[in-house]
Amino acid sequence: MSRTNSAASSVKERADLALNDEFLRNAVRFTTERLRGGKKKAAEEQGNWDSWRERGRQIRLHTIAHLDYYLNLFADNARANGVHVHFADTSADAVKIALAIAERKSAKSVVKSKSMVTEELHLNHALESIGIEAIESDLGEYIIQLAGETPSHIIIPAIHKNRYQIADLLSKEAGETLPPDTSILAGFVRKKLREKFLETDIGMTGCNFAIAETGSMVLFENEGNARMVTTVPKTQITLMGMERIIPSWTDLEVMATLLPRSATGQKLTVYMSGITGPRREHDADGPEEMHIIIVDNGRSLQLGDPEFQELLNCIRCGACLNACPVYRHIGGHAYGGTYSGPIGAVLTPALKKNVAEWDDIANASSLCGACYEACPVKIPLHDMLVSLRRRKVESGHGNKLEAVGMKGFSAVMANSGRFQGVLKLGKIGQKLVVRSGEIRTKLGPLKGWNSYRVTPSLPDKSFREGWGTLEAELRQGLKELDPEVRQRMEAIVKERKTGGGHEHG
């Protein structure tokens, strides 16, 4: 799917491919429905869910509003714990820092836990370009790495694959046929990765939250691979978006309530690790050397922007993807970037800083607001998508034909005479394409609509044209009413005609 999609140049073309892939649609719909159901149940069991959401939102709003302070506090405390802290303005800077550390350690391999930031930076390819093997230890990430694909979901990278496809991939890796039994497949991967953990030179992780007050980084996971990545290798490199900061461990309590429930419907992930610096003298395990690379890569451009600053509040739970009717039909690869779904439709243009290249991604939304209702920190993604569309048009990257059409529509609707004239022409012209009271043609702009919907034909007489007859019939009906009721209704009609009753308090 991803290889096919990579050849498609626009969201629309990639979406067409996805919509014609029945298996993909079924797989994505099945898993997202399961995740949505789990989230709903977990939120109900927690109780006062909207209050928790508001608490999370306020923590994120406060943190992002004072991001420079908390970043400096975190960096100072992390350095005091023995951590090497690096700041990277761009993706190229972040990759350069990571590669320099790996080369200095003469690393032959790097074992990674799940990290969307490393996907954003295309770090695996960069490591491989200098002869360093990059090994994904998250089961889903490992599967799509073998498939040569990118994640199609923030939380479940291989959401678009079933156990039969996974068995085929792992059988090729094993050199023998493995049955499509999830426990056997997971066991094979576990055994293979254990060997890699013991051999690897560097462990690389992402970061769910960074605690400013202690300089600690926190990881949520279910498989235990991140804990192996942070304890066995002698060197640890953590890459984190600059917005991952929260002020304190007290704030983590709120985030730990929101994130697992919103992501997978769990009360808490199987493992939650808090790491405060490299191994100390009396520690049984942990890295001897620890680096944290704090990545900007376009994030700071959202600071101070009244329409998009709240984008940095995102805690990467994936709930908006599971709720989005568009994502549930086309999956993640149709979006074309690292991040998919509603958050990806806004975040990708923000990080890429290239509206012209990514101008159509904001159209991959019905603007229904389901993403906002699902978001644990109440990010108004549907409003951001509208703003992104507006900015696209204002910057001159809008569809030229659409712009001409909207100007024509505006001119027609601004004048009743023009409107009536166009209606008359439409009634004449539609005779060529109307069948059984429906416009069935798939020519021009009607192709996309009529491929999946029905367009009714224009009526012989408009409502305005028929109003005189209708009003006479209504008045005739009024005469047959009880005198008191008729008097009240006539009073209402009179009031409406004089413009009364339309004030908004």
Protein backbone atom coordinates (compact mmCIF):
# COMPACT_ATOMS: atom_id res chain seq x y z
CA MET A 1 0.00 0.00 0.00
CA SER A 2 2.70 2.48 0.97
CA ARG A 3 4.73 1.83 -2.16
CA THR A 4 1.67 2.38 -4.30
CA ASN A 5 0.73 5.47 -2.42
CA SER A 6 4.21 6.92 -2.72
CA ALA A 7 3.70 7.12 -6.48
CA ALA A 8 0.51 9.14 -6.06
CA SER A 9 1.15 12.87 -5.99
CA SER A 10 -1.86 14.16 -4.09
CA VAL A 11 -4.01 13.25 -1.11
CA LYS A 12 -6.95 12.70 -3.45
CA GLU A 13 -5.03 10.22 -5.60
CA ARG A 14 -3.68 8.37 -2.58
CA ALA A 15 -7.17 8.32 -1.04
CA ASP A 16 -8.59 6.82 -4.25
CA LEU A 17 -6.06 4.00 -3.99
CA ALA A 18 -6.95 3.41 -0.35
CA LEU A 19 -10.69 3.43 -0.99
CA ASN A 20 -10.22 0.71 -3.60
CA ASP A 21 -8.28 -1.45 -1.13
CA GLU A 22 -11.08 -3.29 0.66
CA PHE A 23 -8.75 -5.12 3.02
CA LEU A 24 -7.05 -1.93 4.18
CA ARG A 25 -10.39 -0.26 4.85
CA ASN A 26 -11.64 -3.24 6.84
CA ALA A 27 -8.42 -3.55 8.85
CA VAL A 28 -8.29 0.14 9.75
CA ARG A 29 -11.99 0.32 10.55
CA PHE A 30 -11.87 -2.77 12.77
CA THR A 31 -8.92 -1.55 14.84
CA THR A 32 -10.05 2.06 15.18
CA GLU A 33 -13.50 0.91 16.30
CA ARG A 34 -11.89 -1.30 18.94
CA LEU A 35 -9.71 1.57 20.15
CA ARG A 36 -12.66 3.97 20.25
CA GLY A 37 -14.70 1.49 22.23
CA GLY A 38 -11.86 0.98 24.70
CA LYS A 39 -11.39 4.71 25.13
CA LYS A 40 -15.10 5.26 25.75
CA LYS A 41 -15.23 2.53 28.39
CA ALA A 42 -12.05 3.71 30.14
CA ALA A 43 -13.25 7.33 30.18
CA GLU A 44 -16.61 6.34 31.66
CA GLU A 45 -14.93 4.24 34.35
CA GLN A 46 -12.62 7.12 35.24
CA GLY A 47 -15.54 9.54 35.60
CA ASN A 48 -15.59 13.33 35.18
CA TRP A 49 -13.76 12.85 31.91
CA ASP A 50 -14.37 16.36 30.62
CA SER A 51 -12.92 17.78 33.84
CA TRP A 52 -9.79 15.68 33.34
CA ARG A 53 -9.59 16.91 29.75
CA GLU A 54 -9.82 20.51 30.92
CA ARG A 55 -7.10 19.94 33.52
CA GLY A 56 -4.88 18.47 30.82
CA ARG A 57 -5.61 21.37 28.49
CA GLN A 58 -4.74 23.94 31.15
CA ILE A 59 -1.44 22.19 31.92
CA ARG A 60 -0.51 22.18 28.25
CA LEU A 61 -1.61 25.79 27.69
CA HIS A 62 0.45 26.96 30.66
CA THR A 63 3.52 24.95 29.64
CA ILE A 64 3.53 26.10 26.02
CA ALA A 65 2.93 29.71 27.08
CA HIS A 66 6.11 29.48 29.22
CA LEU A 67 7.98 27.00 27.04
CA ASP A 68 11.32 28.83 27.09
CA TYR A 69 11.36 28.82 30.90
CA TYR A 70 10.50 25.13 31.25
CA LEU A 71 12.91 24.07 28.50
CA ASN A 72 15.78 25.87 30.21
CA LEU A 73 14.76 24.44 33.60
CA PHE A 74 14.63 20.95 32.15
CA ALA A 75 17.99 21.32 30.41
CA ASP A 76 19.68 22.65 33.58
CA ASN A 77 18.31 19.84 35.74
CA ALA A 78 19.08 17.16 33.15
CA ARG A 79 22.67 18.36 32.87
CA ALA A 80 22.94 18.36 36.66
CA ASN A 81 21.93 14.67 36.47
CA GLY A 82 24.81 13.95 34.10
CA VAL A 83 22.87 14.09 30.83
CA HIS A 84 24.34 15.65 27.68
CA VAL A 85 21.59 17.99 26.40
CA HIS A 86 21.60 19.15 22.77
CA PHE A 87 19.25 21.60 21.02
CA ALA A 88 18.50 21.08 17.31
CA ASP A 89 16.82 23.85 15.32
CA THR A 90 16.19 21.75 12.23
CA SER A 91 15.79 18.10 11.29
CA ALA A 92 19.23 18.22 9.66
CA ASP A 93 20.75 19.51 12.91
CA ALA A 94 19.12 16.73 14.93
CA VAL A 95 20.32 14.03 12.54
CA LYS A 96 23.82 15.50 12.51
CA ILE A 97 24.02 15.41 16.32
CA ALA A 98 22.74 11.83 16.52
CA LEU A 99 25.13 10.60 13.83
CA ALA A 100 28.08 12.35 15.47
CA ILE A 101 27.37 10.55 18.76
CA ALA A 102 27.04 7.20 16.98
CA GLU A 103 30.28 7.70 15.05
CA ARG A 104 32.16 8.78 18.16
CA LYS A 105 31.06 5.54 19.82
CA SER A 106 32.06 3.55 16.71
CA ALA A 107 28.59 2.06 16.78
CA LYS A 108 27.74 -0.81 14.48
CA SER A 109 24.06 -0.93 15.41
CA VAL A 110 21.34 1.09 17.14
CA VAL A 111 18.28 -0.48 18.74
CA LYS A 112 15.29 1.85 18.87
CA SER A 113 12.09 1.96 20.85
CA LYS A 114 9.02 3.50 19.25
CA SER A 115 9.57 7.16 18.34
CA MET A 116 7.56 9.34 15.96
CA VAL A 117 10.26 12.03 16.13
CA THR A 118 12.86 9.68 14.64
CA GLU A 119 10.32 8.88 11.90
CA GLU A 120 9.87 12.61 11.36
CA LEU A 121 13.65 13.00 10.99
CA HIS A 122 14.04 9.87 8.77
CA LEU A 123 16.83 8.91 11.15
CA ASN A 124 16.89 5.22 10.22
CA HIS A 125 17.90 6.06 6.66
CA ALA A 126 20.55 8.47 7.91
CA LEU A 127 22.07 5.82 10.18
CA GLU A 128 22.07 3.22 7.43
CA SER A 129 23.75 5.71 5.07
CA ILE A 130 26.87 5.65 7.26
CA GLY A 131 26.82 1.88 7.76
CA ILE A 132 25.01 1.69 11.11
CA GLU A 133 22.17 -0.83 11.40
CA ALA A 134 18.96 0.66 12.82
CA ILE A 135 16.74 -1.94 14.49
CA GLU A 136 13.17 -1.20 15.53
CA SER A 137 12.24 -3.04 18.74
CA ASP A 138 8.55 -2.09 18.90
CA LEU A 139 6.65 -4.98 17.33
CA GLY A 140 4.58 -2.79 15.00
CA GLU A 141 7.58 -0.70 13.98
CA TYR A 142 9.63 -3.86 13.40
CA ILE A 143 6.94 -5.23 11.09
CA ILE A 144 6.72 -2.13 8.92
CA GLN A 145 10.51 -1.85 8.87
CA LEU A 146 10.64 -5.34 7.35
CA ALA A 147 7.92 -4.29 4.89
CA GLY A 148 9.83 -1.14 3.91
CA GLU A 149 6.90 1.05 4.92
CA THR A 150 6.20 3.97 7.22
CA PRO A 151 3.81 4.02 10.21
CA SER A 152 0.15 4.45 9.28
CA HIS A 153 -0.96 5.29 12.84
CA ILE A 154 0.70 7.20 15.69
CA ILE A 155 0.09 4.41 18.23
CA ILE A 156 -0.32 1.29 16.07
CA PRO A 157 2.16 1.59 13.18
CA ALA A 158 1.03 -1.60 11.41
CA ILE A 159 -2.71 -0.98 11.80
CA HIS A 160 -3.18 -1.69 8.08
CA LYS A 161 -1.80 -5.26 8.21
CA ASN A 162 -3.32 -8.54 9.40
CA ARG A 163 -1.65 -11.57 10.97
CA TYR A 164 -1.43 -13.41 7.64
CA GLN A 165 0.55 -10.60 6.03
CA ILE A 166 2.69 -10.32 9.15
CA ALA A 167 3.32 -14.08 9.12
CA ASP A 168 4.54 -13.83 5.50
CA LEU A 169 6.95 -11.02 6.40
CA LEU A 170 8.33 -12.79 9.46
CA SER A 171 8.60 -16.11 7.62
CA LYS A 172 10.95 -14.50 5.12
CA GLU A 173 13.01 -13.13 8.00
CA ALA A 174 13.03 -16.50 9.78
CA GLY A 175 13.86 -18.54 6.69
CA GLU A 176 10.99 -20.88 7.50
CA THR A 177 7.21 -20.82 7.38
CA LEU A 178 5.67 -19.39 10.53
CA PRO A 179 1.96 -19.98 11.24
CA PRO A 180 -0.32 -16.92 11.48
CA ASP A 181 -0.56 -17.35 15.25
CA THR A 182 0.03 -14.09 17.10
CA SER A 183 1.75 -15.71 20.09
CA ILE A 184 4.17 -17.63 17.86
CA LEU A 185 4.90 -14.56 15.73
CA ALA A 186 5.49 -12.38 18.79
CA GLY A 187 7.72 -15.09 20.28
CA PHE A 188 9.88 -15.18 17.16
CA VAL A 189 10.33 -11.40 17.20
CA ARG A 190 11.05 -11.41 20.94
CA LYS A 191 13.82 -13.99 20.56
CA LYS A 192 15.39 -12.21 17.61
CA LEU A 193 15.35 -8.81 19.32
CA ARG A 194 16.82 -10.15 22.57
CA GLU A 195 19.95 -11.03 20.61
CA LYS A 196 20.06 -7.52 19.17
CA PHE A 197 19.68 -5.92 22.60
CA LEU A 198 22.74 -7.78 23.87
CA GLU A 199 24.84 -6.92 20.81
CA THR A 200 23.89 -3.29 20.21
CA ASP A 201 26.04 -0.27 20.98
CA ILE A 202 23.38 2.41 21.37
CA GLY A 203 19.79 2.49 22.59
CA MET A 204 17.60 5.18 21.04
CA THR A 205 14.22 6.32 22.35
CA GLY A 206 11.59 8.95 21.92
CA CYS A 207 10.01 10.75 24.86
CA ASN A 208 6.37 10.91 25.93
CA PHE A 209 6.93 13.58 28.57
CA ALA A 210 9.93 15.46 29.96
CA ILE A 211 9.66 16.61 33.58
CA ALA A 212 11.12 20.10 33.95
CA GLU A 213 11.45 20.10 37.75
CA THR A 214 13.82 17.10 37.83
CA GLY A 215 15.21 16.84 34.30
CA SER A 216 13.62 13.40 33.88
CA MET A 217 12.15 11.80 30.76
CA VAL A 218 9.14 9.46 30.84
CA LEU A 219 8.24 6.62 28.49
CA PHE A 220 4.88 4.82 28.19
CA GLU A 221 4.88 1.38 26.54
CA ASN A 222 3.25 -2.05 26.60
CA GLU A 223 5.92 -4.44 25.32
CA GLY A 224 8.89 -3.78 27.60
CA ASN A 225 11.19 -3.06 24.68
CA ALA A 226 11.77 0.57 25.69
CA ARG A 227 12.88 -0.59 29.13
CA MET A 228 15.40 -2.92 27.45
CA VAL A 229 16.58 -0.11 25.18
CA THR A 230 17.22 2.15 28.19
CA THR A 231 18.94 -0.42 30.42
CA VAL A 232 21.12 -2.75 28.31
CA PRO A 233 23.09 -0.55 25.84
CA LYS A 234 25.94 1.51 27.27
CA THR A 235 24.83 4.68 25.47
CA GLN A 236 21.31 6.10 25.30
CA ILE A 237 20.12 8.77 22.88
CA THR A 238 16.67 10.26 23.46
CA LEU A 239 15.07 12.46 20.82
CA MET A 240 12.16 14.64 21.90
CA GLY A 241 10.09 17.38 20.37
CA MET A 242 10.57 20.61 22.27
CA GLU A 243 6.89 20.60 23.26
CA ARG A 244 7.13 17.31 25.22
CA ILE A 245 7.85 19.31 28.41
CA ILE A 246 5.53 19.37 31.42
CA PRO A 247 6.37 21.26 34.63
CA SER A 248 6.22 18.58 37.34
CA TRP A 249 5.53 15.00 38.40
CA THR A 250 2.19 16.22 39.74
CA ASP A 251 1.26 17.25 36.21
CA LEU A 252 2.32 13.81 34.99
CA GLU A 253 -0.47 12.32 37.11
CA VAL A 254 -3.00 14.11 34.91
CA MET A 255 -1.21 13.16 31.70
CA ALA A 256 -0.89 9.54 32.82
CA THR A 257 -4.65 9.52 33.35
CA LEU A 258 -5.37 10.96 29.89
CA LEU A 259 -2.80 9.40 27.56
CA PRO A 260 -3.31 5.61 27.99
CA ARG A 261 -7.10 5.90 28.14
CA SER A 262 -7.21 8.07 25.01
CA ALA A 263 -4.67 5.99 23.09
CA THR A 264 -5.58 2.36 23.80
CA GLY A 265 -8.37 2.40 26.39
CA GLN A 266 -6.00 1.29 29.17
CA LYS A 267 -5.99 2.67 32.69
CA LEU A 268 -2.21 2.67 32.42
CA THR A 269 0.27 1.18 29.99
CA VAL A 270 2.02 -2.01 31.08
CA TYR A 271 5.27 -0.12 31.58
CA MET A 272 5.86 3.50 32.53
CA SER A 273 9.54 4.36 32.95
CA GLY A 274 10.94 7.53 34.48
CA ILE A 275 14.62 8.04 33.66
CA THR A 276 16.68 10.66 35.47
CA GLY A 277 20.17 10.58 34.05
CA PRO A 278 22.67 7.80 33.28
CA ARG A 279 23.62 4.94 35.59
CA ARG A 280 24.89 6.00 39.00
CA GLU A 281 27.51 4.22 41.07
CA HIS A 282 25.12 1.90 42.88
CA ASP A 283 22.59 1.37 40.04
CA ALA A 284 22.17 -2.19 38.79
CA ASP A 285 21.59 -1.17 35.18
CA GLY A 286 21.16 1.76 32.83
CA PRO A 287 23.35 3.52 30.28
CA GLU A 288 26.80 4.79 31.14
CA GLU A 289 26.24 7.80 28.90
CA MET A 290 22.96 9.55 28.10
CA HIS A 291 22.13 12.19 25.50
CA ILE A 292 18.87 14.09 25.00
CA ILE A 293 18.36 15.88 21.68
CA ILE A 294 15.59 18.50 21.90
CA VAL A 295 14.15 19.04 18.42
CA ASP A 296 12.49 22.21 17.12
CA ASN A 297 12.06 21.50 13.39
CA GLY A 298 9.32 24.07 12.84
CA ARG A 299 7.60 23.80 16.21
CA SER A 300 8.71 27.23 17.41
CA LEU A 301 7.02 28.81 14.38
CA GLN A 302 3.66 28.01 15.99
CA LEU A 303 4.49 29.95 19.18
CA GLY A 304 2.58 33.20 19.33
CA ASP A 305 0.26 32.18 16.49
CA PRO A 306 -3.29 32.56 17.88
CA GLU A 307 -4.64 30.00 15.42
CA PHE A 308 -2.00 27.28 15.70
CA GLN A 309 -0.14 27.55 19.02
CA GLU A 310 -2.46 24.97 20.61
CA LEU A 311 -1.10 22.49 18.07
CA LEU A 312 1.86 22.12 20.45
CA ASN A 313 -0.49 20.86 23.18
CA CYS A 314 -0.76 17.48 21.42
CA ILE A 315 0.28 14.47 23.53
CA ARG A 316 0.39 12.04 20.55
CA CYS A 317 -2.36 9.70 21.72
CA GLY A 318 -3.88 9.06 18.28
CA ALA A 319 -7.47 9.50 19.53
CA CYS A 320 -8.24 12.00 16.76
CA LEU A 321 -7.25 9.42 14.13
CA ASN A 322 -9.57 6.81 15.62
CA ALA A 323 -12.47 9.29 15.66
CA CYS A 324 -11.94 10.76 12.19
CA PRO A 325 -14.33 9.37 9.54
CA VAL A 326 -11.82 10.21 6.80
CA TYR A 327 -8.90 8.41 8.45
CA ARG A 328 -11.06 5.38 9.20
CA HIS A 329 -11.73 5.01 5.46
CA ILE A 330 -8.34 5.80 3.92
CA GLY A 331 -5.79 4.92 6.63
CA GLY A 332 -2.59 6.78 7.34
CA HIS A 333 -0.45 6.42 4.21
CA ALA A 334 -2.90 8.46 2.13
CA TYR A 335 -1.85 11.58 4.07
CA GLY A 336 1.66 11.32 2.66
CA GLY A 337 3.58 12.53 5.72
CA THR A 338 4.92 11.09 8.96
CA TYR A 339 1.83 12.15 10.90
CA SER A 340 -1.63 11.22 9.66
CA GLY A 341 -5.24 11.90 10.60
CA PRO A 342 -6.49 15.30 11.74
CA ILE A 343 -3.34 16.06 13.73
CA GLY A 344 -1.21 15.16 10.72
CA ALA A 345 -3.29 17.31 8.39
CA VAL A 346 -2.35 20.33 10.51
CA LEU A 347 1.06 19.31 11.86
CA THR A 348 2.62 18.26 8.55
CA PRO A 349 2.30 21.68 6.83
CA ALA A 350 3.47 23.31 10.07
CA LEU A 351 6.63 21.21 10.28
CA LYS A 352 7.33 21.15 6.55
CA LYS A 353 6.88 24.93 6.31
CA ASN A 354 5.74 24.43 2.72
CA VAL A 355 2.09 25.28 2.12
CA ALA A 356 2.42 24.85 -1.64
CA GLU A 357 3.59 21.23 -1.34
CA TRP A 358 1.10 20.21 1.34
CA ASP A 359 -1.81 22.50 0.44
CA ASP A 360 -4.28 19.67 -0.22
CA ILE A 361 -3.79 17.78 3.04
CA ALA A 362 -6.21 20.07 4.92
CA ASN A 363 -8.96 18.94 2.56
CA ALA A 364 -8.76 15.41 3.99
CA SER A 365 -11.37 16.26 6.61
CA SER A 366 -15.13 16.53 6.85
CA LEU A 367 -14.77 19.27 9.52
CA CYS A 368 -17.23 17.32 11.67
CA GLY A 369 -15.38 18.12 14.91
CA ALA A 370 -15.09 14.48 16.03
CA CYS A 371 -11.34 15.04 16.49
CA TYR A 372 -11.97 17.83 19.00
CA GLU A 373 -14.44 15.72 20.95
CA ALA A 374 -11.91 12.88 21.12
CA CYS A 375 -8.85 14.99 21.97
CA PRO A 376 -7.84 14.62 25.65
CA VAL A 377 -6.49 18.18 25.74
CA LYS A 378 -9.24 19.78 23.63
CA ILE A 379 -7.21 20.92 20.62
CA PRO A 380 -9.63 22.57 18.13
CA LEU A 381 -8.22 20.74 15.12
CA HIS A 382 -11.33 21.32 13.01
CA ASP A 383 -10.92 25.09 13.42
CA MET A 384 -7.22 24.81 12.56
CA LEU A 385 -8.09 22.94 9.37
CA VAL A 386 -10.42 25.75 8.33
CA SER A 387 -7.68 28.30 9.09
CA LEU A 388 -5.19 26.25 7.09
CA ARG A 389 -7.55 26.19 4.11
CA ARG A 390 -8.02 29.94 4.39
CA ARG A 391 -4.28 30.58 4.53
CA LYS A 392 -3.80 28.34 1.52
CA VAL A 393 -6.18 30.47 -0.52
CA GLU A 394 -4.78 33.76 0.81
CA SER A 395 -1.25 32.70 -0.10
CA GLY A 396 -2.28 32.01 -3.69
CA HIS A 397 -2.08 28.22 -3.55
CA GLY A 398 -5.80 27.60 -3.90
CA ASN A 399 -7.43 25.78 -6.79
CA LYS A 400 -7.72 28.29 -9.66
CA LEU A 401 -10.86 26.71 -11.11
CA GLU A 402 -12.45 26.67 -7.65
CA ALA A 403 -11.57 30.35 -7.16
CA VAL A 404 -13.24 31.28 -10.45
CA GLY A 405 -16.27 29.21 -9.52
CA MET A 406 -16.62 30.86 -6.11
CA LYS A 407 -16.40 34.33 -7.65
CA GLY A 408 -19.10 33.39 -10.11
CA PHE A 409 -21.25 31.91 -7.34
CA SER A 410 -20.85 35.09 -5.30
CA ALA A 411 -21.86 37.27 -8.24
CA VAL A 412 -24.95 35.16 -8.93
CA MET A 413 -26.10 34.97 -5.30
CA ALA A 414 -25.66 38.72 -4.81
CA ASN A 415 -28.34 39.54 -7.39
CA SER A 416 -31.80 37.94 -7.52
CA GLY A 417 -32.14 38.66 -11.24
CA ARG A 418 -28.91 36.83 -12.02
CA PHE A 419 -29.95 34.00 -9.73
CA GLN A 420 -33.28 33.55 -11.54
CA GLY A 421 -31.52 33.73 -14.90
CA VAL A 422 -29.04 31.02 -13.97
CA LEU A 423 -31.88 28.83 -12.67
CA LYS A 424 -33.69 29.13 -15.99
CA LEU A 425 -30.54 28.24 -17.93
CA GLY A 426 -29.93 25.33 -15.57
CA LYS A 427 -33.42 23.94 -16.13
CA ILE A 428 -32.85 24.01 -19.87
CA GLY A 429 -29.33 22.58 -19.76
CA GLN A 430 -30.08 19.78 -17.32
CA LYS A 431 -32.37 18.08 -19.84
CA LEU A 432 -29.25 16.60 -21.42
CA VAL A 433 -28.12 14.84 -18.23
CA VAL A 434 -31.28 14.15 -16.17
CA ARG A 435 -32.52 10.58 -15.90
CA SER A 436 -35.54 9.69 -13.70
CA GLY A 437 -35.37 13.01 -11.87
CA GLU A 438 -31.64 12.73 -11.09
CA ILE A 439 -28.52 14.34 -12.59
CA ARG A 440 -26.36 11.31 -13.31
CA THR A 441 -23.47 12.73 -15.33
CA LYS A 442 -19.93 12.31 -14.03
CA LEU A 443 -18.42 15.06 -16.15
CA GLY A 444 -16.32 17.85 -14.69
CA PRO A 445 -16.88 18.84 -11.06
CA LEU A 446 -19.84 16.45 -10.78
CA LYS A 447 -17.61 13.38 -11.15
CA GLY A 448 -16.48 13.25 -7.53
CA TRP A 449 -19.96 13.91 -6.18
CA ASN A 450 -22.02 11.67 -8.46
CA SER A 451 -19.62 8.74 -8.12
CA TYR A 452 -20.93 8.17 -4.61
CA ARG A 453 -24.08 10.30 -4.24
CA VAL A 454 -27.27 11.33 -6.03
CA THR A 455 -27.80 14.87 -7.33
CA PRO A 456 -31.51 15.75 -7.65
CA SER A 457 -32.58 17.68 -10.73
CA LEU A 458 -33.76 21.28 -10.57
CA PRO A 459 -37.56 21.42 -10.06
CA ASP A 460 -39.82 22.84 -12.76
CA LYS A 461 -40.91 25.58 -10.37
CA SER A 462 -38.79 27.09 -7.60
CA PHE A 463 -40.11 27.70 -4.10
CA ARG A 464 -40.23 31.43 -4.77
CA GLU A 465 -42.14 30.94 -8.01
CA GLY A 466 -44.66 28.70 -6.28
CA TRP A 467 -45.03 30.84 -3.17
CA GLY A 468 -48.04 32.81 -4.47
CA THR A 469 -50.08 29.66 -5.02
CA LEU A 470 -48.88 28.15 -1.75
CA GLU A 471 -49.75 31.29 0.21
CA ALA A 472 -53.28 31.32 -1.28
CA GLU A 473 -53.74 27.69 -0.26
CA LEU A 474 -52.53 28.45 3.24
CA ARG A 475 -54.90 31.39 3.58
CA GLN A 476 -57.78 29.23 2.39
CA GLY A 477 -56.83 26.75 5.07
CA LEU A 478 -56.78 29.51 7.69
CA LYS A 479 -60.42 30.33 6.98
CA GLU A 480 -61.39 26.85 8.07
CA LEU A 481 -59.58 27.21 11.39
CA ASP A 482 -61.08 28.19 14.72
CA PRO A 483 -61.41 32.04 14.72
CA GLU A 484 -59.13 32.43 17.75
CA VAL A 485 -56.40 30.21 16.28
CA ARG A 486 -56.71 31.99 12.90
CA GLN A 487 -56.34 35.37 14.59
CA ARG A 488 -53.17 34.26 16.38
CA MET A 489 -51.66 32.86 13.19
CA GLU A 490 -52.49 35.98 11.18
CA ALA A 491 -50.81 38.06 13.87
CA ILE A 492 -47.70 35.91 13.58
CA VAL A 493 -47.66 36.25 9.78
CA LYS A 494 -48.07 40.02 10.05
CA GLU A 495 -45.23 40.25 12.58
CA ARG A 496 -42.93 38.21 10.35
CA LYS A 497 -43.72 40.40 7.33
CA THR A 498 -42.68 43.51 9.25
CA GLY A 499 -39.42 41.85 10.29
CA GLY A 500 -40.35 41.20 13.89
CA GLY A 501 -39.31 38.22 15.94
CA HIS A 502 -35.80 37.92 14.52
CA GLU A 503 -33.84 39.71 17.18
CA HIS A 504 -31.10 37.67 18.88
CA GLY A 505 -30.61 38.30 22.55
